[in-house]
Amino acid sequence: MNAYAVVESGGKQYRVQAGDTLNVELLDAEPGAKVELGRVLACSDGKELKLGRPDVAGCKVIAEVIKHMRGPKLVSFKMKRRKGYSRKKGHRQELTVIKIEAIA
């Protein structure tokens, strides 16, 4: 079994392994920069699982920022029939694509 970690970024939790690519909420880093993901909640070296209370001491997850992008458009639409009431609101989330390089 390969080494993996559970990290928290942007209020969401992700299970990551070395080489994984994932979309997280916008990080303040330039493309090509290396970032250390904070809040490692669990860390496994392939044999033993360490759980944090709340964080695992001594475990780091290093990732490289690939690019910044925007997610899909989400539309919220409300309507009350026969009343002439309707509201339409759109949203696009700012995302950062990162590639996990190492779990130390």
PDB file of N, CA and C in Angstrom:
ATOM      1  N   MET A   1       0.840  -1.179   0.000  1.00  0.00           N
ATOM      2  CA  MET A   1       0.000   0.000   0.000  1.00  0.00           C
ATOM      3  C   MET A   1       0.889   1.248   0.000  1.00  0.00           C
ATOM      4  N   ASN A   2       0.493   2.250  -0.770  1.00  0.00           N
ATOM      5  CA  ASN A   2       1.290   3.467  -0.896  1.00  0.00           C
ATOM      6  C   ASN A   2       1.025   4.428   0.255  1.00  0.00           C
ATOM      7  N   ALA A   3       1.969   5.346   0.437  1.00  0.00           N
ATOM      8  CA  ALA A   3       1.801   6.381   1.462  1.00  0.00           C
ATOM      9  C   ALA A   3       0.728   7.367   1.005  1.00  0.00           C
ATOM     10  N   TYR A   4      -0.094   7.804   1.960  1.00  0.00           N
ATOM     11  CA  TYR A   4      -1.125   8.790   1.654  1.00  0.00           C
ATOM     12  C   TYR A   4      -1.320   9.674   2.867  1.00  0.00           C
ATOM     13  N   ALA A   5      -2.046  10.769   2.648  1.00  0.00           N
ATOM     14  CA  ALA A   5      -2.336  11.699   3.735  1.00  0.00           C
ATOM     15  C   ALA A   5      -3.722  12.287   3.509  1.00  0.00           C
ATOM     16  N   VAL A   6      -4.335  12.723   4.587  1.00  0.00           N
ATOM     17  CA  VAL A   6      -5.609  13.443   4.522  1.00  0.00           C
ATOM     18  C   VAL A   6      -5.307  14.870   4.950  1.00  0.00           C
ATOM     19  N   VAL A   7      -5.535  15.828   4.027  1.00  0.00           N
ATOM     20  CA  VAL A   7      -5.229  17.225   4.301  1.00  0.00           C
ATOM     21  C   VAL A   7      -6.497  18.055   4.193  1.00  0.00           C
ATOM     22  N   GLU A   8      -6.466  19.214   4.849  1.00  0.00           N
ATOM     23  CA  GLU A   8      -7.590  20.140   4.780  1.00  0.00           C
ATOM     24  C   GLU A   8      -7.123  21.402   4.069  1.00  0.00           C
ATOM     25  N   SER A   9      -7.892  21.827   3.077  1.00  0.00           N
ATOM     26  CA  SER A   9      -7.587  23.054   2.346  1.00  0.00           C
ATOM     27  C   SER A   9      -8.899  23.687   1.926  1.00  0.00           C
ATOM     28  N   GLY A  10      -9.090  24.940   2.293  1.00  0.00           N
ATOM     29  CA  GLY A  10     -10.307  25.642   1.910  1.00  0.00           C
ATOM     30  C   GLY A  10     -11.556  25.095   2.572  1.00  0.00           C
ATOM     31  N   GLY A  11     -11.412  24.503   3.757  1.00  0.00           N
ATOM     32  CA  GLY A  11     -12.567  23.969   4.461  1.00  0.00           C
ATOM     33  C   GLY A  11     -13.005  22.598   3.982  1.00  0.00           C
ATOM     34  N   LYS A  12     -12.275  21.999   3.053  1.00  0.00           N
ATOM     35  CA  LYS A  12     -12.605  20.670   2.549  1.00  0.00           C
ATOM     36  C   LYS A  12     -11.441  19.726   2.825  1.00  0.00           C
ATOM     37  N   GLN A  13     -11.739  18.447   2.927  1.00  0.00           N
ATOM     38  CA  GLN A  13     -10.707  17.454   3.209  1.00  0.00           C
ATOM     39  C   GLN A  13     -10.460  16.610   1.968  1.00  0.00           C
ATOM     40  N   TYR A  14      -9.182  16.322   1.709  1.00  0.00           N
ATOM     41  CA  TYR A  14      -8.788  15.558   0.535  1.00  0.00           C
ATOM     42  C   TYR A  14      -7.844  14.439   0.954  1.00  0.00           C
ATOM     43  N   ARG A  15      -8.019  13.260   0.348  1.00  0.00           N
ATOM     44  CA  ARG A  15      -7.080  12.158   0.540  1.00  0.00           C
ATOM     45  C   ARG A  15      -6.131  12.208  -0.646  1.00  0.00           C
ATOM     46  N   VAL A  16      -4.835  12.389  -0.377  1.00  0.00           N
ATOM     47  CA  VAL A  16      -3.866  12.605  -1.450  1.00  0.00           C
ATOM     48  C   VAL A  16      -2.719  11.610  -1.361  1.00  0.00           C
ATOM     49  N   GLN A  17      -2.147  11.305  -2.528  1.00  0.00           N
ATOM     50  CA  GLN A  17      -0.943  10.504  -2.654  1.00  0.00           C
ATOM     51  C   GLN A  17       0.036  11.284  -3.516  1.00  0.00           C
ATOM     52  N   ALA A  18       1.297  10.893  -3.496  1.00  0.00           N
ATOM     53  CA  ALA A  18       2.293  11.546  -4.345  1.00  0.00           C
ATOM     54  C   ALA A  18       1.912  11.338  -5.813  1.00  0.00           C
ATOM     55  N   GLY A  19       1.917  12.430  -6.582  1.00  0.00           N
ATOM     56  CA  GLY A  19       1.562  12.349  -8.000  1.00  0.00           C
ATOM     57  C   GLY A  19       0.125  12.727  -8.303  1.00  0.00           C
ATOM     58  N   ASP A  20      -0.722  12.889  -7.290  1.00  0.00           N
ATOM     59  CA  ASP A  20      -2.117  13.258  -7.514  1.00  0.00           C
ATOM     60  C   ASP A  20      -2.232  14.712  -7.956  1.00  0.00           C
ATOM     61  N   THR A  21      -3.225  14.987  -8.802  1.00  0.00           N
ATOM     62  CA  THR A  21      -3.561  16.340  -9.215  1.00  0.00           C
ATOM     63  C   THR A  21      -4.974  16.623  -8.741  1.00  0.00           C
ATOM     64  N   LEU A  22      -5.166  17.780  -8.084  1.00  0.00           N
ATOM     65  CA  LEU A  22      -6.505  18.102  -7.607  1.00  0.00           C
ATOM     66  C   LEU A  22      -6.759  19.596  -7.654  1.00  0.00           C
ATOM     67  N   ASN A  23      -8.043  19.939  -7.653  1.00  0.00           N
ATOM     68  CA  ASN A  23      -8.496  21.325  -7.659  1.00  0.00           C
ATOM     69  C   ASN A  23      -8.889  21.709  -6.242  1.00  0.00           C
ATOM     70  N   VAL A  24      -8.272  22.763  -5.721  1.00  0.00           N
ATOM     71  CA  VAL A  24      -8.599  23.270  -4.394  1.00  0.00           C
ATOM     72  C   VAL A  24      -9.022  24.725  -4.531  1.00  0.00           C
ATOM     73  N   GLU A  25      -9.588  25.285  -3.481  1.00  0.00           N
ATOM     74  CA  GLU A  25      -9.943  26.694  -3.518  1.00  0.00           C
ATOM     75  C   GLU A  25      -8.693  27.536  -3.686  1.00  0.00           C
ATOM     76  N   LEU A  26      -8.862  28.744  -4.176  1.00  0.00           N
ATOM     77  CA  LEU A  26      -7.764  29.610  -4.587  1.00  0.00           C
ATOM     78  C   LEU A  26      -6.701  29.764  -3.501  1.00  0.00           C
ATOM     79  N   LEU A  27      -5.444  29.471  -3.880  1.00  0.00           N
ATOM     80  CA  LEU A  27      -4.295  29.639  -2.990  1.00  0.00           C
ATOM     81  C   LEU A  27      -3.510  30.869  -3.435  1.00  0.00           C
ATOM     82  N   ASP A  28      -2.900  31.544  -2.484  1.00  0.00           N
ATOM     83  CA  ASP A  28      -2.118  32.744  -2.780  1.00  0.00           C
ATOM     84  C   ASP A  28      -0.682  32.349  -3.119  1.00  0.00           C
ATOM     85  N   ALA A  29      -0.479  31.812  -4.331  1.00  0.00           N
ATOM     86  CA  ALA A  29       0.842  31.395  -4.792  1.00  0.00           C
ATOM     87  C   ALA A  29       0.857  31.458  -6.315  1.00  0.00           C
ATOM     88  N   GLU A  30       2.021  31.744  -6.866  1.00  0.00           N
ATOM     89  CA  GLU A  30       2.185  31.829  -8.311  1.00  0.00           C
ATOM     90  C   GLU A  30       2.294  30.425  -8.910  1.00  0.00           C
ATOM     91  N   PRO A  31       1.877  30.243 -10.181  1.00  0.00           N
ATOM     92  CA  PRO A  31       2.087  28.952 -10.840  1.00  0.00           C
ATOM     93  C   PRO A  31       3.565  28.604 -10.885  1.00  0.00           C
ATOM     94  N   GLY A  32       3.881  27.357 -10.579  1.00  0.00           N
ATOM     95  CA  GLY A  32       5.264  26.890 -10.522  1.00  0.00           C
ATOM     96  C   GLY A  32       5.850  26.920  -9.121  1.00  0.00           C
ATOM     97  N   ALA A  33       5.187  27.603  -8.196  1.00  0.00           N
ATOM     98  CA  ALA A  33       5.691  27.700  -6.823  1.00  0.00           C
ATOM     99  C   ALA A  33       5.350  26.439  -6.040  1.00  0.00           C
ATOM    100  N   LYS A  34       6.165  26.139  -5.062  1.00  0.00           N
ATOM    101  CA  LYS A  34       5.913  25.011  -4.163  1.00  0.00           C
ATOM    102  C   LYS A  34       5.189  25.531  -2.926  1.00  0.00           C
ATOM    103  N   VAL A  35       4.148  24.825  -2.498  1.00  0.00           N
ATOM    104  CA  VAL A  35       3.397  25.207  -1.307  1.00  0.00           C
ATOM    105  C   VAL A  35       3.328  24.014  -0.365  1.00  0.00           C
ATOM    106  N   GLU A  36       3.257  24.317   0.911  1.00  0.00           N
ATOM    107  CA  GLU A  36       3.078  23.280   1.923  1.00  0.00           C
ATOM    108  C   GLU A  36       1.631  23.357   2.391  1.00  0.00           C
ATOM    109  N   LEU A  37       0.901  22.276   2.205  1.00  0.00           N
ATOM    110  CA  LEU A  37      -0.499  22.262   2.601  1.00  0.00           C
ATOM    111  C   LEU A  37      -0.588  22.136   4.111  1.00  0.00           C
ATOM    112  N   GLY A  38      -1.341  23.022   4.728  1.00  0.00           N
ATOM    113  CA  GLY A  38      -1.487  23.001   6.179  1.00  0.00           C
ATOM    114  C   GLY A  38      -2.524  21.981   6.617  1.00  0.00           C
ATOM    115  N   ARG A  39      -2.593  21.753   7.897  1.00  0.00           N
ATOM    116  CA  ARG A  39      -3.565  20.849   8.513  1.00  0.00           C
ATOM    117  C   ARG A  39      -3.552  19.451   7.912  1.00  0.00           C
ATOM    118  N   VAL A  40      -2.537  18.689   8.252  1.00  0.00           N
ATOM    119  CA  VAL A  40      -2.493  17.276   7.885  1.00  0.00           C
ATOM    120  C   VAL A  40      -3.244  16.528   8.981  1.00  0.00           C
ATOM    121  N   LEU A  41      -4.389  15.959   8.638  1.00  0.00           N
ATOM    122  CA  LEU A  41      -5.264  15.324   9.622  1.00  0.00           C
ATOM    123  C   LEU A  41      -4.918  13.861   9.859  1.00  0.00           C
ATOM    124  N   ALA A  42      -4.382  13.203   8.833  1.00  0.00           N
ATOM    125  CA  ALA A  42      -3.973  11.803   8.956  1.00  0.00           C
ATOM    126  C   ALA A  42      -2.832  11.563   7.990  1.00  0.00           C
ATOM    127  N   CYS A  43      -1.935  10.651   8.368  1.00  0.00           N
ATOM    128  CA  CYS A  43      -0.761  10.387   7.541  1.00  0.00           C
ATOM    129  C   CYS A  43      -0.433   8.893   7.641  1.00  0.00           C
ATOM    130  N   SER A  44      -0.242   8.264   6.481  1.00  0.00           N
ATOM    131  CA  SER A  44       0.094   6.844   6.458  1.00  0.00           C
ATOM    132  C   SER A  44       1.360   6.655   5.638  1.00  0.00           C
ATOM    133  N   ASP A  45       2.287   5.839   6.148  1.00  0.00           N
ATOM    134  CA  ASP A  45       3.505   5.545   5.401  1.00  0.00           C
ATOM    135  C   ASP A  45       3.375   4.245   4.616  1.00  0.00           C
ATOM    136  N   GLY A  46       2.203   3.659   4.564  1.00  0.00           N
ATOM    137  CA  GLY A  46       1.989   2.401   3.866  1.00  0.00           C
ATOM    138  C   GLY A  46       1.822   1.232   4.819  1.00  0.00           C
ATOM    139  N   LYS A  47       2.318   1.379   6.045  1.00  0.00           N
ATOM    140  CA  LYS A  47       2.210   0.323   7.043  1.00  0.00           C
ATOM    141  C   LYS A  47       1.448   0.784   8.271  1.00  0.00           C
ATOM    142  N   GLU A  48       1.715   2.018   8.674  1.00  0.00           N
ATOM    143  CA  GLU A  48       1.131   2.525   9.911  1.00  0.00           C
ATOM    144  C   GLU A  48       0.393   3.831   9.643  1.00  0.00           C
ATOM    145  N   LEU A  49      -0.788   3.968  10.225  1.00  0.00           N
ATOM    146  CA  LEU A  49      -1.603   5.168  10.080  1.00  0.00           C
ATOM    147  C   LEU A  49      -1.493   6.005  11.343  1.00  0.00           C
ATOM    148  N   LYS A  50      -1.153   7.292  11.167  1.00  0.00           N
ATOM    149  CA  LYS A  50      -1.089   8.224  12.296  1.00  0.00           C
ATOM    150  C   LYS A  50      -2.252   9.194  12.169  1.00  0.00           C
ATOM    151  N   LEU A  51      -3.053   9.276  13.222  1.00  0.00           N
ATOM    152  CA  LEU A  51      -4.170  10.208  13.245  1.00  0.00           C
ATOM    153  C   LEU A  51      -3.807  11.398  14.109  1.00  0.00           C
ATOM    154  N   GLY A  52      -4.196  12.591  13.674  1.00  0.00           N
ATOM    155  CA  GLY A  52      -3.886  13.799  14.419  1.00  0.00           C
ATOM    156  C   GLY A  52      -5.025  14.205  15.316  1.00  0.00           C
ATOM    157  N   ARG A  53      -4.671  14.884  16.369  1.00  0.00           N
ATOM    158  CA  ARG A  53      -5.688  15.426  17.285  1.00  0.00           C
ATOM    159  C   ARG A  53      -5.348  16.875  17.565  1.00  0.00           C
ATOM    160  N   PRO A  54      -5.610  17.852  16.742  1.00  0.00           N
ATOM    161  CA  PRO A  54      -6.273  17.755  15.437  1.00  0.00           C
ATOM    162  C   PRO A  54      -5.302  17.552  14.277  1.00  0.00           C
ATOM    163  N   ASP A  55      -4.001  17.857  14.437  1.00  0.00           N
ATOM    164  CA  ASP A  55      -3.038  17.726  13.342  1.00  0.00           C
ATOM    165  C   ASP A  55      -1.996  16.666  13.685  1.00  0.00           C
ATOM    166  N   VAL A  56      -1.393  16.085  12.635  1.00  0.00           N
ATOM    167  CA  VAL A  56      -0.309  15.132  12.820  1.00  0.00           C
ATOM    168  C   VAL A  56       0.992  15.919  12.921  1.00  0.00           C
ATOM    169  N   ALA A  57       1.714  15.738  14.016  1.00  0.00           N
ATOM    170  CA  ALA A  57       2.981  16.444  14.206  1.00  0.00           C
ATOM    171  C   ALA A  57       4.067  15.795  13.350  1.00  0.00           C
ATOM    172  N   GLY A  58       4.823  16.618  12.630  1.00  0.00           N
ATOM    173  CA  GLY A  58       5.951  16.114  11.862  1.00  0.00           C
ATOM    174  C   GLY A  58       5.613  15.594  10.480  1.00  0.00           C
ATOM    175  N   CYS A  59       4.389  15.704  10.034  1.00  0.00           N
ATOM    176  CA  CYS A  59       4.012  15.247   8.694  1.00  0.00           C
ATOM    177  C   CYS A  59       3.707  16.472   7.829  1.00  0.00           C
ATOM    178  N   LYS A  60       4.324  16.528   6.642  1.00  0.00           N
ATOM    179  CA  LYS A  60       4.117  17.646   5.730  1.00  0.00           C
ATOM    180  C   LYS A  60       3.723  17.122   4.362  1.00  0.00           C
ATOM    181  N   VAL A  61       2.911  17.892   3.659  1.00  0.00           N
ATOM    182  CA  VAL A  61       2.527  17.572   2.290  1.00  0.00           C
ATOM    183  C   VAL A  61       2.982  18.736   1.411  1.00  0.00           C
ATOM    184  N   ILE A  62       3.865  18.439   0.454  1.00  0.00           N
ATOM    185  CA  ILE A  62       4.417  19.454  -0.446  1.00  0.00           C
ATOM    186  C   ILE A  62       3.725  19.308  -1.796  1.00  0.00           C
ATOM    187  N   ALA A  63       3.265  20.448  -2.347  1.00  0.00           N
ATOM    188  CA  ALA A  63       2.575  20.444  -3.636  1.00  0.00           C
ATOM    189  C   ALA A  63       3.118  21.560  -4.513  1.00  0.00           C
ATOM    190  N   GLU A  64       2.961  21.396  -5.827  1.00  0.00           N
ATOM    191  CA  GLU A  64       3.352  22.425  -6.781  1.00  0.00           C
ATOM    192  C   GLU A  64       2.100  23.004  -7.412  1.00  0.00           C
ATOM    193  N   VAL A  65       2.039  24.334  -7.512  1.00  0.00           N
ATOM    194  CA  VAL A  65       0.900  25.005  -8.133  1.00  0.00           C
ATOM    195  C   VAL A  65       1.066  24.898  -9.641  1.00  0.00           C
ATOM    196  N   ILE A  66       0.068  24.315 -10.307  1.00  0.00           N
ATOM    197  CA  ILE A  66       0.109  24.157 -11.762  1.00  0.00           C
ATOM    198  C   ILE A  66      -0.478  25.398 -12.439  1.00  0.00           C
ATOM    199  N   LYS A  67      -1.713  25.762 -12.076  1.00  0.00           N
ATOM    200  CA  LYS A  67      -2.361  26.932 -12.671  1.00  0.00           C
ATOM    201  C   LYS A  67      -3.537  27.365 -11.817  1.00  0.00           C
ATOM    202  N   HIS A  68      -4.030  28.558 -12.106  1.00  0.00           N
ATOM    203  CA  HIS A  68      -5.251  29.069 -11.503  1.00  0.00           C
ATOM    204  C   HIS A  68      -6.333  29.030 -12.575  1.00  0.00           C
ATOM    205  N   MET A  69      -7.555  28.717 -12.173  1.00  0.00           N
ATOM    206  CA  MET A  69      -8.651  28.662 -13.136  1.00  0.00           C
ATOM    207  C   MET A  69      -9.967  28.949 -12.425  1.00  0.00           C
ATOM    208  N   ARG A  70     -11.033  28.991 -13.193  1.00  0.00           N
ATOM    209  CA  ARG A  70     -12.357  29.187 -12.625  1.00  0.00           C
ATOM    210  C   ARG A  70     -13.168  27.922 -12.863  1.00  0.00           C
ATOM    211  N   GLY A  71     -13.970  27.560 -11.884  1.00  0.00           N
ATOM    212  CA  GLY A  71     -14.791  26.361 -11.975  1.00  0.00           C
ATOM    213  C   GLY A  71     -15.994  26.574 -12.878  1.00  0.00           C
ATOM    214  N   PRO A  72     -16.852  25.583 -12.955  1.00  0.00           N
ATOM    215  CA  PRO A  72     -18.044  25.710 -13.794  1.00  0.00           C
ATOM    216  C   PRO A  72     -19.019  26.732 -13.231  1.00  0.00           C
ATOM    217  N   LYS A  73     -19.833  27.302 -14.121  1.00  0.00           N
ATOM    218  CA  LYS A  73     -20.819  28.284 -13.688  1.00  0.00           C
ATOM    219  C   LYS A  73     -21.994  27.567 -13.024  1.00  0.00           C
ATOM    220  N   LEU A  74     -22.359  28.052 -11.851  1.00  0.00           N
ATOM    221  CA  LEU A  74     -23.505  27.528 -11.125  1.00  0.00           C
ATOM    222  C   LEU A  74     -24.579  28.608 -11.122  1.00  0.00           C
ATOM    223  N   VAL A  75     -25.812  28.231 -11.398  1.00  0.00           N
ATOM    224  CA  VAL A  75     -26.909  29.189 -11.465  1.00  0.00           C
ATOM    225  C   VAL A  75     -27.928  28.849 -10.394  1.00  0.00           C
ATOM    226  N   SER A  76     -28.280  29.854  -9.600  1.00  0.00           N
ATOM    227  CA  SER A  76     -29.333  29.710  -8.598  1.00  0.00           C
ATOM    228  C   SER A  76     -30.538  30.490  -9.106  1.00  0.00           C
ATOM    229  N   PHE A  77     -31.661  29.817  -9.255  1.00  0.00           N
ATOM    230  CA  PHE A  77     -32.857  30.448  -9.804  1.00  0.00           C
ATOM    231  C   PHE A  77     -34.032  30.193  -8.884  1.00  0.00           C
ATOM    232  N   LYS A  78     -34.711  31.261  -8.482  1.00  0.00           N
ATOM    233  CA  LYS A  78     -35.913  31.159  -7.656  1.00  0.00           C
ATOM    234  C   LYS A  78     -37.079  31.733  -8.438  1.00  0.00           C
ATOM    235  N   MET A  79     -38.253  31.143  -8.246  1.00  0.00           N
ATOM    236  CA  MET A  79     -39.441  31.665  -8.927  1.00  0.00           C
ATOM    237  C   MET A  79     -40.684  31.286  -8.136  1.00  0.00           C
ATOM    238  N   LYS A  80     -41.608  32.217  -8.056  1.00  0.00           N
ATOM    239  CA  LYS A  80     -42.927  31.926  -7.487  1.00  0.00           C
ATOM    240  C   LYS A  80     -43.945  32.059  -8.612  1.00  0.00           C
ATOM    241  N   ARG A  81     -44.621  30.997  -8.882  1.00  0.00           N
ATOM    242  CA  ARG A  81     -45.508  31.016 -10.038  1.00  0.00           C
ATOM    243  C   ARG A  81     -46.684  31.972  -9.840  1.00  0.00           C
ATOM    244  N   ARG A  82     -47.078  32.563 -10.923  1.00  0.00           N
ATOM    245  CA  ARG A  82     -48.232  33.485 -11.014  1.00  0.00           C
ATOM    246  C   ARG A  82     -48.045  34.767 -10.201  1.00  0.00           C
ATOM    247  N   LYS A  83     -46.879  35.052  -9.679  1.00  0.00           N
ATOM    248  CA  LYS A  83     -46.666  36.241  -8.849  1.00  0.00           C
ATOM    249  C   LYS A  83     -45.729  37.253  -9.506  1.00  0.00           C
ATOM    250  N   GLY A  84     -45.086  36.889 -10.601  1.00  0.00           N
ATOM    251  CA  GLY A  84     -44.161  37.793 -11.258  1.00  0.00           C
ATOM    252  C   GLY A  84     -42.825  37.909 -10.530  1.00  0.00           C
ATOM    253  N   TYR A  85     -42.525  36.942  -9.653  1.00  0.00           N
ATOM    254  CA  TYR A  85     -41.292  36.981  -8.867  1.00  0.00           C
ATOM    255  C   TYR A  85     -40.303  35.962  -9.414  1.00  0.00           C
ATOM    256  N   SER A  86     -39.117  36.437  -9.764  1.00  0.00           N
ATOM    257  CA  SER A  86     -38.045  35.515 -10.128  1.00  0.00           C
ATOM    258  C   SER A  86     -36.711  36.189  -9.850  1.00  0.00           C
ATOM    259  N   ARG A  87     -35.743  35.390  -9.403  1.00  0.00           N
ATOM    260  CA  ARG A  87     -34.395  35.866  -9.123  1.00  0.00           C
ATOM    261  C   ARG A  87     -33.407  34.863  -9.721  1.00  0.00           C
ATOM    262  N   LYS A  88     -32.412  35.404 -10.418  1.00  0.00           N
ATOM    263  CA  LYS A  88     -31.390  34.556 -11.019  1.00  0.00           C
ATOM    264  C   LYS A  88     -30.028  35.081 -10.581  1.00  0.00           C
ATOM    265  N   LYS A  89     -29.206  34.182 -10.040  1.00  0.00           N
ATOM    266  CA  LYS A  89     -27.885  34.567  -9.562  1.00  0.00           C
ATOM    267  C   LYS A  89     -26.890  33.501 -10.008  1.00  0.00           C
ATOM    268  N   GLY A  90     -25.729  33.936 -10.513  1.00  0.00           N
ATOM    269  CA  GLY A  90     -24.709  33.011 -10.970  1.00  0.00           C
ATOM    270  C   GLY A  90     -23.459  33.097 -10.105  1.00  0.00           C
ATOM    271  N   HIS A  91     -22.649  32.039 -10.156  1.00  0.00           N
ATOM    272  CA  HIS A  91     -21.423  31.988  -9.361  1.00  0.00           C
ATOM    273  C   HIS A  91     -20.410  31.102 -10.072  1.00  0.00           C
ATOM    274  N   ARG A  92     -19.137  31.557 -10.070  1.00  0.00           N
ATOM    275  CA  ARG A  92     -18.024  30.728 -10.537  1.00  0.00           C
ATOM    276  C   ARG A  92     -16.926  30.784  -9.498  1.00  0.00           C
ATOM    277  N   GLN A  93     -16.524  29.626  -9.006  1.00  0.00           N
ATOM    278  CA  GLN A  93     -15.519  29.542  -7.951  1.00  0.00           C
ATOM    279  C   GLN A  93     -14.118  29.660  -8.536  1.00  0.00           C
ATOM    280  N   GLU A  94     -13.259  30.433  -7.873  1.00  0.00           N
ATOM    281  CA  GLU A  94     -11.856  30.522  -8.256  1.00  0.00           C
ATOM    282  C   GLU A  94     -11.129  29.290  -7.696  1.00  0.00           C
ATOM    283  N   LEU A  95     -10.405  28.571  -8.550  1.00  0.00           N
ATOM    284  CA  LEU A  95      -9.744  27.332  -8.153  1.00  0.00           C
ATOM    285  C   LEU A  95      -8.254  27.376  -8.469  1.00  0.00           C
ATOM    286  N   THR A  96      -7.495  26.558  -7.776  1.00  0.00           N
ATOM    287  CA  THR A  96      -6.076  26.366  -8.044  1.00  0.00           C
ATOM    288  C   THR A  96      -5.845  24.882  -8.283  1.00  0.00           C
ATOM    289  N   VAL A  97      -5.166  24.562  -9.376  1.00  0.00           N
ATOM    290  CA  VAL A  97      -4.823  23.173  -9.687  1.00  0.00           C
ATOM    291  C   VAL A  97      -3.436  22.916  -9.103  1.00  0.00           C
ATOM    292  N   ILE A  98      -3.338  21.901  -8.231  1.00  0.00           N
ATOM    293  CA  ILE A  98      -2.052  21.572  -7.607  1.00  0.00           C
ATOM    294  C   ILE A  98      -1.718  20.108  -7.879  1.00  0.00           C
ATOM    295  N   LYS A  99      -0.403  19.828  -7.873  1.00  0.00           N
ATOM    296  CA  LYS A  99       0.078  18.451  -8.018  1.00  0.00           C
ATOM    297  C   LYS A  99       0.878  18.106  -6.768  1.00  0.00           C
ATOM    298  N   ILE A 100       0.516  17.018  -6.134  1.00  0.00           N
ATOM    299  CA  ILE A 100       1.183  16.587  -4.902  1.00  0.00           C
ATOM    300  C   ILE A 100       2.531  15.993  -5.271  1.00  0.00           C
ATOM    301  N   GLU A 101       3.591  16.528  -4.658  1.00  0.00           N
ATOM    302  CA  GLU A 101       4.931  16.044  -4.966  1.00  0.00           C
ATOM    303  C   GLU A 101       5.452  15.061  -3.929  1.00  0.00           C
ATOM    304  N   ALA A 102       5.254  15.372  -2.646  1.00  0.00           N
ATOM    305  CA  ALA A 102       5.827  14.502  -1.619  1.00  0.00           C
ATOM    306  C   ALA A 102       5.005  14.556  -0.343  1.00  0.00           C
ATOM    307  N   ILE A 103       5.021  13.455   0.365  1.00  0.00           N
ATOM    308  CA  ILE A 103       4.438  13.376   1.700  1.00  0.00           C
ATOM    309  C   ILE A 103       5.588  13.000   2.620  1.00  0.00           C
ATOM    310  N   ALA A 104       5.938  13.940   3.508  1.00  0.00           N
ATOM    311  CA  ALA A 104       7.099  13.711   4.373  1.00  0.00           C
ATOM    312  C   ALA A 104       6.686  13.666   5.826  1.00  0.00           C
TER     313      ALA A 104
END
